[in-house]
PDB file of N, CA and C in Angstrom:
ATOM      1  N   MET A   1      41.610  -7.034   3.717  1.00  0.00           N
ATOM      2  CA  MET A   1      41.996  -7.463   5.034  1.00  0.00           C
ATOM      3  C   MET A   1      42.957  -6.418   5.607  1.00  0.00           C
ATOM      4  N   SER A   2      42.780  -6.144   6.889  1.00  0.00           N
ATOM      5  CA  SER A   2      43.625  -5.130   7.517  1.00  0.00           C
ATOM      6  C   SER A   2      45.043  -5.667   7.732  1.00  0.00           C
ATOM      7  N   PRO A   3      46.030  -4.769   7.811  1.00  0.00           N
ATOM      8  CA  PRO A   3      47.415  -5.207   8.017  1.00  0.00           C
ATOM      9  C   PRO A   3      47.602  -6.009   9.313  1.00  0.00           C
ATOM     10  N   LEU A   4      46.899  -5.602  10.378  1.00  0.00           N
ATOM     11  CA  LEU A   4      47.027  -6.326  11.642  1.00  0.00           C
ATOM     12  C   LEU A   4      46.471  -7.743  11.508  1.00  0.00           C
ATOM     13  N   ARG A   5      45.320  -7.845  10.845  1.00  0.00           N
ATOM     14  CA  ARG A   5      44.718  -9.168  10.642  1.00  0.00           C
ATOM     15  C   ARG A   5      45.638 -10.054   9.792  1.00  0.00           C
ATOM     16  N   GLU A   6      46.240  -9.504   8.766  1.00  0.00           N
ATOM     17  CA  GLU A   6      47.167 -10.268   7.924  1.00  0.00           C
ATOM     18  C   GLU A   6      48.373 -10.731   8.738  1.00  0.00           C
ATOM     19  N   GLN A   7      48.865  -9.842   9.597  1.00  0.00           N
ATOM     20  CA  GLN A   7      50.018 -10.195  10.423  1.00  0.00           C
ATOM     21  C   GLN A   7      49.655 -11.312  11.401  1.00  0.00           C
ATOM     22  N   LEU A   8      48.487 -11.201  12.037  1.00  0.00           N
ATOM     23  CA  LEU A   8      48.054 -12.238  12.973  1.00  0.00           C
ATOM     24  C   LEU A   8      47.840 -13.575  12.264  1.00  0.00           C
ATOM     25  N   LEU A   9      47.246 -13.531  11.089  1.00  0.00           N
ATOM     26  CA  LEU A   9      47.022 -14.747  10.318  1.00  0.00           C
ATOM     27  C   LEU A   9      48.352 -15.373   9.916  1.00  0.00           C
ATOM     28  N   GLY A  10      49.292 -14.552   9.486  1.00  0.00           N
ATOM     29  CA  GLY A  10      50.616 -15.055   9.122  1.00  0.00           C
ATOM     30  C   GLY A  10      51.331 -15.685  10.309  1.00  0.00           C
ATOM     31  N   THR A  11      51.208 -15.049  11.473  1.00  0.00           N
ATOM     32  CA  THR A  11      51.825 -15.592  12.684  1.00  0.00           C
ATOM     33  C   THR A  11      51.187 -16.921  13.062  1.00  0.00           C
ATOM     34  N   ALA A  12      49.872 -17.001  12.965  1.00  0.00           N
ATOM     35  CA  ALA A  12      49.168 -18.239  13.294  1.00  0.00           C
ATOM     36  C   ALA A  12      49.569 -19.368  12.351  1.00  0.00           C
ATOM     37  N   ILE A  13      49.658 -19.079  11.079  1.00  0.00           N
ATOM     38  CA  ILE A  13      50.053 -20.097  10.096  1.00  0.00           C
ATOM     39  C   ILE A  13      51.481 -20.568  10.367  1.00  0.00           C
ATOM     40  N   THR A  14      52.370 -19.639  10.664  1.00  0.00           N
ATOM     41  CA  THR A  14      53.759 -19.991  10.977  1.00  0.00           C
ATOM     42  C   THR A  14      53.824 -20.875  12.218  1.00  0.00           C
ATOM     43  N   TYR A  15      53.035 -20.541  13.232  1.00  0.00           N
ATOM     44  CA  TYR A  15      52.999 -21.317  14.474  1.00  0.00           C
ATOM     45  C   TYR A  15      52.512 -22.743  14.206  1.00  0.00           C
ATOM     46  N   ILE A  16      51.447 -22.864  13.431  1.00  0.00           N
ATOM     47  CA  ILE A  16      50.891 -24.185  13.104  1.00  0.00           C
ATOM     48  C   ILE A  16      51.898 -25.011  12.315  1.00  0.00           C
ATOM     49  N   GLU A  17      52.535 -24.421  11.337  1.00  0.00           N
ATOM     50  CA  GLU A  17      53.523 -25.146  10.526  1.00  0.00           C
ATOM     51  C   GLU A  17      54.707 -25.597  11.379  1.00  0.00           C
ATOM     52  N   ALA A  18      55.133 -24.751  12.298  1.00  0.00           N
ATOM     53  CA  ALA A  18      56.255 -25.116  13.168  1.00  0.00           C
ATOM     54  C   ALA A  18      55.894 -26.320  14.029  1.00  0.00           C
ATOM     55  N   HIS A  19      54.669 -26.343  14.542  1.00  0.00           N
ATOM     56  CA  HIS A  19      54.250 -27.470  15.373  1.00  0.00           C
ATOM     57  C   HIS A  19      54.067 -28.734  14.549  1.00  0.00           C
ATOM     58  N   LYS A  20      53.593 -28.607  13.328  1.00  0.00           N
ATOM     59  CA  LYS A  20      53.484 -29.783  12.453  1.00  0.00           C
ATOM     60  C   LYS A  20      54.867 -30.368  12.214  1.00  0.00           C
ATOM     61  N   ASN A  21      55.839 -29.509  11.926  1.00  0.00           N
ATOM     62  CA  ASN A  21      57.205 -29.971  11.681  1.00  0.00           C
ATOM     63  C   ASN A  21      57.795 -30.627  12.923  1.00  0.00           C
ATOM     64  N   ARG A  22      57.504 -30.051  14.082  1.00  0.00           N
ATOM     65  CA  ARG A  22      58.018 -30.625  15.328  1.00  0.00           C
ATOM     66  C   ARG A  22      57.429 -32.012  15.552  1.00  0.00           C
ATOM     67  N   ASP A  23      56.131 -32.174  15.296  1.00  0.00           N
ATOM     68  CA  ASP A  23      55.485 -33.467  15.476  1.00  0.00           C
ATOM     69  C   ASP A  23      56.025 -34.492  14.489  1.00  0.00           C
ATOM     70  N   VAL A  24      56.234 -34.077  13.251  1.00  0.00           N
ATOM     71  CA  VAL A  24      56.778 -34.981  12.239  1.00  0.00           C
ATOM     72  C   VAL A  24      58.191 -35.403  12.624  1.00  0.00           C
ATOM     73  N   ASP A  25      58.994 -34.473  13.095  1.00  0.00           N
ATOM     74  CA  ASP A  25      60.358 -34.798  13.519  1.00  0.00           C
ATOM     75  C   ASP A  25      60.345 -35.775  14.697  1.00  0.00           C
ATOM     76  N   ALA A  26      59.408 -35.576  15.623  1.00  0.00           N
ATOM     77  CA  ALA A  26      59.311 -36.481  16.769  1.00  0.00           C
ATOM     78  C   ALA A  26      58.924 -37.884  16.318  1.00  0.00           C
ATOM     79  N   LEU A  27      57.965 -37.985  15.402  1.00  0.00           N
ATOM     80  CA  LEU A  27      57.564 -39.301  14.899  1.00  0.00           C
ATOM     81  C   LEU A  27      58.698 -39.971  14.140  1.00  0.00           C
ATOM     82  N   ARG A  28      59.426 -39.202  13.360  1.00  0.00           N
ATOM     83  CA  ARG A  28      60.571 -39.777  12.641  1.00  0.00           C
ATOM     84  C   ARG A  28      61.605 -40.320  13.627  1.00  0.00           C
ATOM     85  N   ALA A  29      61.831 -39.600  14.696  1.00  0.00           N
ATOM     86  CA  ALA A  29      62.802 -40.055  15.690  1.00  0.00           C
ATOM     87  C   ALA A  29      62.328 -41.326  16.381  1.00  0.00           C
ATOM     88  N   ILE A  30      61.029 -41.389  16.681  1.00  0.00           N
ATOM     89  CA  ILE A  30      60.489 -42.564  17.361  1.00  0.00           C
ATOM     90  C   ILE A  30      60.565 -43.793  16.470  1.00  0.00           C
ATOM     91  N   TYR A  31      60.213 -43.627  15.202  1.00  0.00           N
ATOM     92  CA  TYR A  31      60.140 -44.772  14.302  1.00  0.00           C
ATOM     93  C   TYR A  31      61.406 -44.995  13.483  1.00  0.00           C
ATOM     94  N   SER A  32      62.481 -44.328  13.836  1.00  0.00           N
ATOM     95  CA  SER A  32      63.730 -44.557  13.115  1.00  0.00           C
ATOM     96  C   SER A  32      64.267 -45.938  13.487  1.00  0.00           C
ATOM     97  N   PRO A  33      64.979 -46.596  12.587  1.00  0.00           N
ATOM     98  CA  PRO A  33      65.505 -47.936  12.884  1.00  0.00           C
ATOM     99  C   PRO A  33      66.392 -47.979  14.127  1.00  0.00           C
ATOM    100  N   ALA A  34      67.068 -46.901  14.426  1.00  0.00           N
ATOM    101  CA  ALA A  34      67.939 -46.877  15.600  1.00  0.00           C
ATOM    102  C   ALA A  34      67.139 -46.905  16.897  1.00  0.00           C
ATOM    103  N   CYS A  35      65.887 -46.507  16.845  1.00  0.00           N
ATOM    104  CA  CYS A  35      65.076 -46.411  18.054  1.00  0.00           C
ATOM    105  C   CYS A  35      64.218 -47.657  18.264  1.00  0.00           C
ATOM    106  N   ILE A  36      64.014 -48.448  17.227  1.00  0.00           N
ATOM    107  CA  ILE A  36      63.146 -49.617  17.335  1.00  0.00           C
ATOM    108  C   ILE A  36      63.938 -50.770  17.944  1.00  0.00           C
ATOM    109  N   THR A  37      63.408 -51.313  19.040  1.00  0.00           N
ATOM    110  CA  THR A  37      64.035 -52.458  19.691  1.00  0.00           C
ATOM    111  C   THR A  37      62.980 -53.526  19.919  1.00  0.00           C
ATOM    112  N   THR A  38      63.403 -54.728  20.194  1.00  0.00           N
ATOM    113  CA  THR A  38      62.449 -55.791  20.482  1.00  0.00           C
ATOM    114  C   THR A  38      62.001 -55.656  21.929  1.00  0.00           C
ATOM    115  N   PRO A  39      60.753 -56.000  22.230  1.00  0.00           N
ATOM    116  CA  PRO A  39      60.279 -55.851  23.603  1.00  0.00           C
ATOM    117  C   PRO A  39      60.985 -56.798  24.568  1.00  0.00           C
ATOM    118  N   PHE A  40      61.443 -57.957  24.072  1.00  0.00           N
ATOM    119  CA  PHE A  40      62.149 -58.914  24.909  1.00  0.00           C
ATOM    120  C   PHE A  40      63.517 -59.161  24.289  1.00  0.00           C
ATOM    121  N   PRO A  41      64.554 -58.530  24.807  1.00  0.00           N
ATOM    122  CA  PRO A  41      65.876 -58.686  24.207  1.00  0.00           C
ATOM    123  C   PRO A  41      66.356 -60.136  24.203  1.00  0.00           C
ATOM    124  N   ASN A  42      65.969 -60.910  25.200  1.00  0.00           N
ATOM    125  CA  ASN A  42      66.391 -62.301  25.268  1.00  0.00           C
ATOM    126  C   ASN A  42      65.138 -63.181  25.323  1.00  0.00           C
ATOM    127  N   PRO A  43      64.596 -63.595  24.182  1.00  0.00           N
ATOM    128  CA  PRO A  43      63.335 -64.342  24.173  1.00  0.00           C
ATOM    129  C   PRO A  43      63.407 -65.653  24.949  1.00  0.00           C
ATOM    130  N   SER A  44      64.547 -66.300  24.997  1.00  0.00           N
ATOM    131  CA  SER A  44      64.631 -67.581  25.698  1.00  0.00           C
ATOM    132  C   SER A  44      64.349 -67.415  27.191  1.00  0.00           C
ATOM    133  N   SER A  45      64.741 -66.285  27.773  1.00  0.00           N
ATOM    134  CA  SER A  45      64.476 -66.079  29.195  1.00  0.00           C
ATOM    135  C   SER A  45      62.986 -65.893  29.436  1.00  0.00           C
ATOM    136  N   ARG A  46      62.287 -65.278  28.501  1.00  0.00           N
ATOM    137  CA  ARG A  46      60.851 -65.090  28.651  1.00  0.00           C
ATOM    138  C   ARG A  46      60.151 -66.439  28.643  1.00  0.00           C
ATOM    139  N   TYR A  47      60.530 -67.331  27.732  1.00  0.00           N
ATOM    140  CA  TYR A  47      59.866 -68.622  27.632  1.00  0.00           C
ATOM    141  C   TYR A  47      60.185 -69.497  28.836  1.00  0.00           C
ATOM    142  N   SER A  48      61.386 -69.410  29.332  1.00  0.00           N
ATOM    143  CA  SER A  48      61.728 -70.231  30.493  1.00  0.00           C
ATOM    144  C   SER A  48      60.967 -69.748  31.725  1.00  0.00           C
ATOM    145  N   GLN A  49      60.741 -68.442  31.845  1.00  0.00           N
ATOM    146  CA  GLN A  49      59.958 -67.933  32.967  1.00  0.00           C
ATOM    147  C   GLN A  49      58.512 -68.386  32.851  1.00  0.00           C
ATOM    148  N   THR A  50      57.961 -68.370  31.634  1.00  0.00           N
ATOM    149  CA  THR A  50      56.578 -68.778  31.428  1.00  0.00           C
ATOM    150  C   THR A  50      56.417 -70.253  31.766  1.00  0.00           C
ATOM    151  N   SER A  51      57.304 -71.105  31.289  1.00  0.00           N
ATOM    152  CA  SER A  51      57.182 -72.531  31.552  1.00  0.00           C
ATOM    153  C   SER A  51      57.385 -72.821  33.039  1.00  0.00           C
ATOM    154  N   ALA A  52      58.262 -72.089  33.698  1.00  0.00           N
ATOM    155  CA  ALA A  52      58.475 -72.292  35.127  1.00  0.00           C
ATOM    156  C   ALA A  52      57.239 -71.886  35.909  1.00  0.00           C
ATOM    157  N   THR A  53      56.591 -70.812  35.498  1.00  0.00           N
ATOM    158  CA  THR A  53      55.385 -70.359  36.181  1.00  0.00           C
ATOM    159  C   THR A  53      54.264 -71.362  35.981  1.00  0.00           C
ATOM    160  N   MET A  54      54.110 -71.876  34.775  1.00  0.00           N
ATOM    161  CA  MET A  54      53.028 -72.803  34.488  1.00  0.00           C
ATOM    162  C   MET A  54      53.249 -74.145  35.190  1.00  0.00           C
ATOM    163  N   SER A  55      54.479 -74.538  35.398  1.00  0.00           N
ATOM    164  CA  SER A  55      54.734 -75.828  36.031  1.00  0.00           C
ATOM    165  C   SER A  55      54.420 -75.799  37.526  1.00  0.00           C
ATOM    166  N   THR A  56      54.321 -74.604  38.120  1.00  0.00           N
ATOM    167  CA  THR A  56      54.023 -74.519  39.552  1.00  0.00           C
ATOM    168  C   THR A  56      52.525 -74.564  39.822  1.00  0.00           C
ATOM    169  N   TRP A  57      51.691 -74.574  38.783  1.00  0.00           N
ATOM    170  CA  TRP A  57      50.240 -74.604  39.006  1.00  0.00           C
ATOM    171  C   TRP A  57      49.847 -75.925  39.464  1.00  0.00           C
TER     172      TRP A  57
END
């Protein structure tokens, strides 16, 4: 393999690995316990809105 081809291949592999690491870091940040929240912080308000809406039918 020519030196230029080896250099290009090495650069491509480094680029791919860097992007894999970036994606893994992003997923870790998204799924970390500090980032996970409940969709409805106050569930009682959701149920009261639902029952109020249904009672107007």
